[in-house]
Amino acid sequence: MRKVVTAAADACRVTGETGGRRGDTLMVTFTYREDADWHPNHMRQTTTHYREWFRRQGVPFRYQWVLELTKRGTPHYHLLLWVPKAFSVPLADDWDWWPHGMTRTERCRGSGVGYLVKYATKGPVYRCGADGSLEETPLPPGARLFGVGGLDDLERLTTHRAGLPRWLAERTTARCGRVRGGWLDRTTGELLKSPYKLSWGVDADGSSFVLVTLVAETGLPD
């Protein structure tokens, strides 16, 4: 996630630079009311409103967002917008682009990417179960952790490849998708399998361990 978020941010920033001059970055936070239900299409619907508004202003719409779980396990979103210098956008809840709760818009002093990386790599949220034990809060079904828009085909491919395992990125230059048994090269249809094998075991003291074994000649470290 760290590599993907950073690669997408770099692409959005470079795309928006004209004549070597940088614009501004806005951070918008979207939260839900306690009585509001989450749905996986909410962020897509909201970014559609933004996109249409940006189009009417004659300004390219470049963005990326990450999903974060609150302490009570409710999703909320952080959205970065790359805009011209001193450019402002409407408040999404005032314009009914986000009817599910509240939003807050801030102008970032820096790139704002560090905040997105922090939110995207926080790790799981735990809640106290009925028996007093800690239980990991799962993501809602259909939830996506990350989204980006406003990039051309090459920039989208670069962002996609930033999230691939190193062994896979060295074997193909195309888009790949996870399938049963490995990764599918979207261009050739070839099934690519990991050269690493994972084994689980338990030490004599009862602690568990994972053993990673290199099972194919790849030139990668074992």
C-alpha atoms as a PDB file:
ATOM      1  CA  MET A   1       0.000   0.000   0.000  1.00  0.00           C
ATOM      2  CA  ARG A   2       2.824   2.395   0.810  1.00  0.00           C
ATOM      3  CA  LYS A   3       4.376   1.943  -2.644  1.00  0.00           C
ATOM      4  CA  VAL A   4       1.050   2.186  -4.483  1.00  0.00           C
ATOM      5  CA  VAL A   5      -0.134   5.311  -2.639  1.00  0.00           C
ATOM      6  CA  THR A   6       3.210   7.047  -3.182  1.00  0.00           C
ATOM      7  CA  ALA A   7       3.395   6.115  -6.875  1.00  0.00           C
ATOM      8  CA  ALA A   8      -0.163   7.342  -7.519  1.00  0.00           C
ATOM      9  CA  ALA A   9       0.515  10.606  -5.679  1.00  0.00           C
ATOM     10  CA  ASP A  10       3.672  11.254  -7.689  1.00  0.00           C
ATOM     11  CA  ALA A  11       1.766  10.646 -10.926  1.00  0.00           C
ATOM     12  CA  CYS A  12      -1.080  12.999  -9.901  1.00  0.00           C
ATOM     13  CA  ARG A  13       1.350  15.724  -8.851  1.00  0.00           C
ATOM     14  CA  VAL A  14       3.508  15.533 -11.994  1.00  0.00           C
ATOM     15  CA  THR A  15       0.421  15.456 -14.250  1.00  0.00           C
ATOM     16  CA  GLY A  16      -0.802  18.709 -12.698  1.00  0.00           C
ATOM     17  CA  GLU A  17       2.458  20.611 -12.930  1.00  0.00           C
ATOM     18  CA  THR A  18       2.592  23.104 -15.784  1.00  0.00           C
ATOM     19  CA  GLY A  19       5.731  25.051 -16.569  1.00  0.00           C
ATOM     20  CA  GLY A  20       7.392  23.551 -13.499  1.00  0.00           C
ATOM     21  CA  ARG A  21       4.941  25.299 -11.168  1.00  0.00           C
ATOM     22  CA  ARG A  22       3.177  23.297  -8.499  1.00  0.00           C
ATOM     23  CA  GLY A  23      -0.381  23.901  -7.382  1.00  0.00           C
ATOM     24  CA  ASP A  24      -2.042  23.141  -4.050  1.00  0.00           C
ATOM     25  CA  THR A  25      -3.155  19.916  -2.425  1.00  0.00           C
ATOM     26  CA  LEU A  26      -6.449  19.712  -0.542  1.00  0.00           C
ATOM     27  CA  MET A  27      -7.302  17.034   2.009  1.00  0.00           C
ATOM     28  CA  VAL A  28     -10.996  16.187   2.431  1.00  0.00           C
ATOM     29  CA  THR A  29     -12.115  13.866   5.252  1.00  0.00           C
ATOM     30  CA  PHE A  30     -15.500  12.120   5.006  1.00  0.00           C
ATOM     31  CA  THR A  31     -17.140  10.726   8.133  1.00  0.00           C
ATOM     32  CA  TYR A  32     -20.458   8.947   8.710  1.00  0.00           C
ATOM     33  CA  ARG A  33     -23.237   9.837  11.105  1.00  0.00           C
ATOM     34  CA  GLU A  34     -23.883   7.177  13.732  1.00  0.00           C
ATOM     35  CA  ASP A  35     -27.222   6.316  12.121  1.00  0.00           C
ATOM     36  CA  ALA A  36     -25.836   6.220   8.549  1.00  0.00           C
ATOM     37  CA  ASP A  37     -25.175   2.933   6.760  1.00  0.00           C
ATOM     38  CA  TRP A  38     -21.975   2.396   4.780  1.00  0.00           C
ATOM     39  CA  HIS A  39     -22.109   1.290   1.130  1.00  0.00           C
ATOM     40  CA  PRO A  40     -19.152   0.485  -1.169  1.00  0.00           C
ATOM     41  CA  ASN A  41     -20.417   2.894  -3.860  1.00  0.00           C
ATOM     42  CA  HIS A  42     -20.528   5.990  -1.636  1.00  0.00           C
ATOM     43  CA  MET A  43     -17.046   7.247  -2.529  1.00  0.00           C
ATOM     44  CA  ARG A  44     -17.598   6.557  -6.214  1.00  0.00           C
ATOM     45  CA  GLN A  45     -20.810   8.585  -6.147  1.00  0.00           C
ATOM     46  CA  THR A  46     -19.084  11.439  -4.329  1.00  0.00           C
ATOM     47  CA  THR A  47     -16.111  11.590  -6.693  1.00  0.00           C
ATOM     48  CA  THR A  48     -18.581  11.645  -9.618  1.00  0.00           C
ATOM     49  CA  HIS A  49     -20.044  14.871  -8.194  1.00  0.00           C
ATOM     50  CA  TYR A  50     -16.558  16.329  -7.827  1.00  0.00           C
ATOM     51  CA  ARG A  51     -15.630  15.281 -11.369  1.00  0.00           C
ATOM     52  CA  GLU A  52     -18.658  17.009 -12.900  1.00  0.00           C
ATOM     53  CA  TRP A  53     -18.022  20.174 -10.877  1.00  0.00           C
ATOM     54  CA  PHE A  54     -14.328  20.251 -11.872  1.00  0.00           C
ATOM     55  CA  ARG A  55     -15.315  19.761 -15.505  1.00  0.00           C
ATOM     56  CA  ARG A  56     -17.599  22.817 -15.347  1.00  0.00           C
ATOM     57  CA  GLN A  57     -14.720  24.851 -13.892  1.00  0.00           C
ATOM     58  CA  GLY A  58     -12.406  23.740 -16.685  1.00  0.00           C
ATOM     59  CA  VAL A  59      -9.969  22.210 -14.173  1.00  0.00           C
ATOM     60  CA  PRO A  60      -8.590  18.639 -14.423  1.00  0.00           C
ATOM     61  CA  PHE A  61      -9.839  16.357 -11.645  1.00  0.00           C
ATOM     62  CA  ARG A  62      -6.890  14.501 -10.132  1.00  0.00           C
ATOM     63  CA  TYR A  63      -7.377  12.669  -6.862  1.00  0.00           C
ATOM     64  CA  GLN A  64      -6.652   9.685  -4.675  1.00  0.00           C
ATOM     65  CA  TRP A  65      -8.328   8.403  -1.530  1.00  0.00           C
ATOM     66  CA  VAL A  66      -7.821   5.777   1.169  1.00  0.00           C
ATOM     67  CA  LEU A  67     -10.283   4.093   3.497  1.00  0.00           C
ATOM     68  CA  GLU A  68      -9.625   4.003   7.234  1.00  0.00           C
ATOM     69  CA  LEU A  69     -11.540   2.273  10.021  1.00  0.00           C
ATOM     70  CA  THR A  70     -12.374   4.316  13.100  1.00  0.00           C
ATOM     71  CA  LYS A  71     -11.893   2.897  16.594  1.00  0.00           C
ATOM     72  CA  ARG A  72     -15.517   1.710  16.582  1.00  0.00           C
ATOM     73  CA  GLY A  73     -14.932  -0.071  13.247  1.00  0.00           C
ATOM     74  CA  THR A  74     -16.794   2.399  11.022  1.00  0.00           C
ATOM     75  CA  PRO A  75     -15.199   3.291   7.655  1.00  0.00           C
ATOM     76  CA  HIS A  76     -14.330   6.851   6.767  1.00  0.00           C
ATOM     77  CA  TYR A  77     -12.327   8.286   3.896  1.00  0.00           C
ATOM     78  CA  HIS A  78      -9.432  10.666   3.288  1.00  0.00           C
ATOM     79  CA  LEU A  79      -9.342  12.268  -0.172  1.00  0.00           C
ATOM     80  CA  LEU A  80      -6.451  14.242  -1.693  1.00  0.00           C
ATOM     81  CA  LEU A  81      -7.187  16.692  -4.496  1.00  0.00           C
ATOM     82  CA  TRP A  82      -4.469  18.265  -6.673  1.00  0.00           C
ATOM     83  CA  VAL A  83      -5.683  21.725  -7.693  1.00  0.00           C
ATOM     84  CA  PRO A  84      -4.280  25.007  -9.082  1.00  0.00           C
ATOM     85  CA  LYS A  85      -2.759  27.507  -6.654  1.00  0.00           C
ATOM     86  CA  ALA A  86      -5.340  29.140  -4.334  1.00  0.00           C
ATOM     87  CA  PHE A  87      -8.145  27.046  -5.887  1.00  0.00           C
ATOM     88  CA  SER A  88     -11.082  26.167  -3.601  1.00  0.00           C
ATOM     89  CA  VAL A  89     -13.783  23.499  -3.821  1.00  0.00           C
ATOM     90  CA  PRO A  90     -17.299  23.349  -2.334  1.00  0.00           C
ATOM     91  CA  LEU A  91     -17.955  21.552   0.946  1.00  0.00           C
ATOM     92  CA  ALA A  92     -19.255  18.150  -0.076  1.00  0.00           C
ATOM     93  CA  ASP A  93     -21.866  17.909   2.692  1.00  0.00           C
ATOM     94  CA  ASP A  94     -23.187  21.435   1.969  1.00  0.00           C
ATOM     95  CA  TRP A  95     -23.711  20.533  -1.706  1.00  0.00           C
ATOM     96  CA  ASP A  96     -25.243  17.138  -0.864  1.00  0.00           C
ATOM     97  CA  TRP A  97     -22.329  15.295  -2.471  1.00  0.00           C
ATOM     98  CA  TRP A  98     -21.862  13.492   0.854  1.00  0.00           C
ATOM     99  CA  PRO A  99     -25.326  13.082   2.478  1.00  0.00           C
ATOM    100  CA  HIS A 100     -24.073  10.413   4.900  1.00  0.00           C
ATOM    101  CA  GLY A 101     -22.432  12.640   7.522  1.00  0.00           C
ATOM    102  CA  MET A 102     -19.835  15.398   7.689  1.00  0.00           C
ATOM    103  CA  THR A 103     -16.780  16.500   5.710  1.00  0.00           C
ATOM    104  CA  ARG A 104     -13.762  18.646   6.501  1.00  0.00           C
ATOM    105  CA  THR A 105     -11.563  20.277   3.836  1.00  0.00           C
ATOM    106  CA  GLU A 106      -8.044  21.493   4.609  1.00  0.00           C
ATOM    107  CA  ARG A 107      -5.264  22.941   2.459  1.00  0.00           C
ATOM    108  CA  CYS A 108      -2.102  20.886   2.968  1.00  0.00           C
ATOM    109  CA  ARG A 109       1.133  22.614   3.851  1.00  0.00           C
ATOM    110  CA  GLY A 110       3.087  19.920   2.050  1.00  0.00           C
ATOM    111  CA  SER A 111       2.072  17.206  -0.386  1.00  0.00           C
ATOM    112  CA  GLY A 112      -0.314  15.491   2.030  1.00  0.00           C
ATOM    113  CA  VAL A 113       0.854  12.100   0.775  1.00  0.00           C
ATOM    114  CA  GLY A 114       2.461  11.202   4.087  1.00  0.00           C
ATOM    115  CA  TYR A 115      -0.945  11.413   5.758  1.00  0.00           C
ATOM    116  CA  LEU A 116      -2.501   9.093   3.185  1.00  0.00           C
ATOM    117  CA  VAL A 117       0.330   6.595   3.624  1.00  0.00           C
ATOM    118  CA  LYS A 118      -0.162   6.703   7.404  1.00  0.00           C
ATOM    119  CA  TYR A 119      -3.900   6.078   7.103  1.00  0.00           C
ATOM    120  CA  ALA A 120      -3.443   3.324   4.506  1.00  0.00           C
ATOM    121  CA  THR A 121      -0.838   1.407   6.523  1.00  0.00           C
ATOM    122  CA  LYS A 122      -2.281   1.722  10.039  1.00  0.00           C
ATOM    123  CA  GLY A 123      -3.079  -1.961  10.281  1.00  0.00           C
ATOM    124  CA  PRO A 124      -6.182  -3.632  11.732  1.00  0.00           C
ATOM    125  CA  VAL A 125      -8.549  -2.159  14.313  1.00  0.00           C
ATOM    126  CA  TYR A 126      -9.334  -4.245  17.389  1.00  0.00           C
ATOM    127  CA  ARG A 127     -12.428  -4.221  19.584  1.00  0.00           C
ATOM    128  CA  CYS A 128     -13.136  -5.908  22.895  1.00  0.00           C
ATOM    129  CA  GLY A 129     -15.220  -9.049  22.409  1.00  0.00           C
ATOM    130  CA  ALA A 130     -17.983 -10.367  24.642  1.00  0.00           C
ATOM    131  CA  ASP A 131     -15.494 -12.564  26.524  1.00  0.00           C
ATOM    132  CA  GLY A 132     -13.073  -9.679  27.069  1.00  0.00           C
ATOM    133  CA  SER A 133     -10.633 -10.749  24.343  1.00  0.00           C
ATOM    134  CA  LEU A 134      -9.503  -8.478  21.514  1.00  0.00           C
ATOM    135  CA  GLU A 135     -11.168  -9.148  18.165  1.00  0.00           C
ATOM    136  CA  GLU A 136      -9.947  -7.789  14.845  1.00  0.00           C
ATOM    137  CA  THR A 137     -12.562  -5.655  13.077  1.00  0.00           C
ATOM    138  CA  PRO A 138     -12.887  -6.850   9.461  1.00  0.00           C
ATOM    139  CA  LEU A 139     -13.384  -4.531   6.521  1.00  0.00           C
ATOM    140  CA  PRO A 140     -16.996  -4.419   5.292  1.00  0.00           C
ATOM    141  CA  PRO A 141     -17.681  -6.748   2.340  1.00  0.00           C
ATOM    142  CA  GLY A 142     -16.886  -5.026  -0.954  1.00  0.00           C
ATOM    143  CA  ALA A 143     -14.719  -2.324   0.637  1.00  0.00           C
ATOM    144  CA  ARG A 144     -11.743  -0.983  -1.310  1.00  0.00           C
ATOM    145  CA  LEU A 145      -8.762   0.423   0.554  1.00  0.00           C
ATOM    146  CA  PHE A 146      -7.581   2.822  -2.148  1.00  0.00           C
ATOM    147  CA  GLY A 147      -8.721   4.708  -5.245  1.00  0.00           C
ATOM    148  CA  VAL A 148      -7.109   7.106  -7.731  1.00  0.00           C
ATOM    149  CA  GLY A 149      -8.341   9.104 -10.731  1.00  0.00           C
ATOM    150  CA  GLY A 150      -7.193  11.593 -13.339  1.00  0.00           C
ATOM    151  CA  LEU A 151      -4.227   9.584 -14.638  1.00  0.00           C
ATOM    152  CA  ASP A 152      -3.444   8.527 -18.196  1.00  0.00           C
ATOM    153  CA  ASP A 153      -2.986   4.881 -19.208  1.00  0.00           C
ATOM    154  CA  LEU A 154       0.775   4.828 -18.615  1.00  0.00           C
ATOM    155  CA  GLU A 155       0.440   6.453 -15.184  1.00  0.00           C
ATOM    156  CA  ARG A 156      -2.275   3.979 -14.178  1.00  0.00           C
ATOM    157  CA  LEU A 157      -0.037   1.100 -15.282  1.00  0.00           C
ATOM    158  CA  THR A 158       2.890   2.521 -13.288  1.00  0.00           C
ATOM    159  CA  THR A 159       0.686   2.813 -10.194  1.00  0.00           C
ATOM    160  CA  HIS A 160      -0.609  -0.734 -10.659  1.00  0.00           C
ATOM    161  CA  ARG A 161       2.890  -2.169 -11.030  1.00  0.00           C
ATOM    162  CA  ALA A 162       4.096  -0.409  -7.887  1.00  0.00           C
ATOM    163  CA  GLY A 163       1.871  -2.755  -5.885  1.00  0.00           C
ATOM    164  CA  LEU A 164       3.067  -5.994  -7.489  1.00  0.00           C
ATOM    165  CA  PRO A 165       5.512  -8.351  -5.762  1.00  0.00           C
ATOM    166  CA  ARG A 166       9.072  -7.746  -6.908  1.00  0.00           C
ATOM    167  CA  TRP A 167       9.449 -11.167  -8.509  1.00  0.00           C
ATOM    168  CA  LEU A 168       6.309 -10.553 -10.569  1.00  0.00           C
ATOM    169  CA  ALA A 169       7.279  -7.033 -11.660  1.00  0.00           C
ATOM    170  CA  GLU A 170      10.572  -8.449 -12.965  1.00  0.00           C
ATOM    171  CA  ARG A 171       8.852 -11.111 -15.065  1.00  0.00           C
ATOM    172  CA  THR A 172       6.272  -9.014 -16.921  1.00  0.00           C
ATOM    173  CA  THR A 173       5.584  -5.433 -17.947  1.00  0.00           C
ATOM    174  CA  ALA A 174       1.805  -5.899 -18.235  1.00  0.00           C
ATOM    175  CA  ARG A 175      -1.126  -5.641 -15.855  1.00  0.00           C
ATOM    176  CA  CYS A 176      -1.602  -8.688 -13.655  1.00  0.00           C
ATOM    177  CA  GLY A 177      -4.498  -9.904 -11.560  1.00  0.00           C
ATOM    178  CA  ARG A 178      -4.700 -12.405  -8.720  1.00  0.00           C
ATOM    179  CA  VAL A 179      -6.300 -15.710  -9.679  1.00  0.00           C
ATOM    180  CA  ARG A 180      -6.423 -19.133  -8.094  1.00  0.00           C
ATOM    181  CA  GLY A 181      -2.917 -20.557  -8.212  1.00  0.00           C
ATOM    182  CA  GLY A 182      -0.992 -17.359  -8.930  1.00  0.00           C
ATOM    183  CA  TRP A 183      -1.184 -14.199 -11.037  1.00  0.00           C
ATOM    184  CA  LEU A 184      -2.658 -13.827 -14.532  1.00  0.00           C
ATOM    185  CA  ASP A 185      -0.783 -11.740 -17.120  1.00  0.00           C
ATOM    186  CA  ARG A 186      -3.640  -9.720 -18.661  1.00  0.00           C
ATOM    187  CA  THR A 187      -1.786  -9.349 -21.991  1.00  0.00           C
ATOM    188  CA  THR A 188      -0.594 -12.891 -22.678  1.00  0.00           C
ATOM    189  CA  GLY A 189      -2.974 -14.902 -20.489  1.00  0.00           C
ATOM    190  CA  GLU A 190      -0.002 -16.650 -18.875  1.00  0.00           C
ATOM    191  CA  LEU A 191      -0.382 -17.896 -15.298  1.00  0.00           C
ATOM    192  CA  LEU A 192       2.596 -16.736 -13.242  1.00  0.00           C
ATOM    193  CA  LYS A 193       3.338 -18.559  -9.989  1.00  0.00           C
ATOM    194  CA  SER A 194       5.324 -17.257  -7.052  1.00  0.00           C
ATOM    195  CA  PRO A 195       8.822 -18.710  -6.695  1.00  0.00           C
ATOM    196  CA  TYR A 196       8.373 -18.659  -2.914  1.00  0.00           C
ATOM    197  CA  LYS A 197       6.705 -21.299  -0.756  1.00  0.00           C
ATOM    198  CA  LEU A 198       5.316 -20.599   2.716  1.00  0.00           C
ATOM    199  CA  SER A 199       5.347 -23.207   5.466  1.00  0.00           C
ATOM    200  CA  TRP A 200       3.813 -22.912   8.916  1.00  0.00           C
ATOM    201  CA  GLY A 201       5.099 -24.654  12.003  1.00  0.00           C
ATOM    202  CA  VAL A 202       5.346 -24.591  15.793  1.00  0.00           C
ATOM    203  CA  ASP A 203       8.584 -24.395  17.782  1.00  0.00           C
ATOM    204  CA  ALA A 204       9.318 -26.537  20.817  1.00  0.00           C
ATOM    205  CA  ASP A 205       8.273 -23.694  23.100  1.00  0.00           C
ATOM    206  CA  GLY A 206       4.857 -23.537  21.417  1.00  0.00           C
ATOM    207  CA  SER A 207       5.450 -20.354  19.395  1.00  0.00           C
ATOM    208  CA  SER A 208       4.413 -20.450  15.750  1.00  0.00           C
ATOM    209  CA  PHE A 209       6.609 -19.485  12.808  1.00  0.00           C
ATOM    210  CA  VAL A 210       6.438 -19.020   9.034  1.00  0.00           C
ATOM    211  CA  LEU A 211       9.205 -20.407   6.812  1.00  0.00           C
ATOM    212  CA  VAL A 212       9.705 -18.801   3.392  1.00  0.00           C
ATOM    213  CA  THR A 213      11.519 -21.018   0.867  1.00  0.00           C
ATOM    214  CA  LEU A 214      12.727 -20.077  -2.613  1.00  0.00           C
ATOM    215  CA  VAL A 215      11.626 -22.936  -4.866  1.00  0.00           C
ATOM    216  CA  ALA A 216      12.611 -21.587  -8.294  1.00  0.00           C
ATOM    217  CA  GLU A 217      15.729 -20.024  -9.837  1.00  0.00           C
ATOM    218  CA  THR A 218      14.977 -16.295 -10.112  1.00  0.00           C
ATOM    219  CA  GLY A 219      18.076 -14.438  -9.012  1.00  0.00           C
ATOM    220  CA  LEU A 220      16.116 -13.117  -6.016  1.00  0.00           C
ATOM    221  CA  PRO A 221      17.435 -13.479  -2.463  1.00  0.00           C
ATOM    222  CA  ASP A 222      16.197 -16.506  -0.510  1.00  0.00           C
END
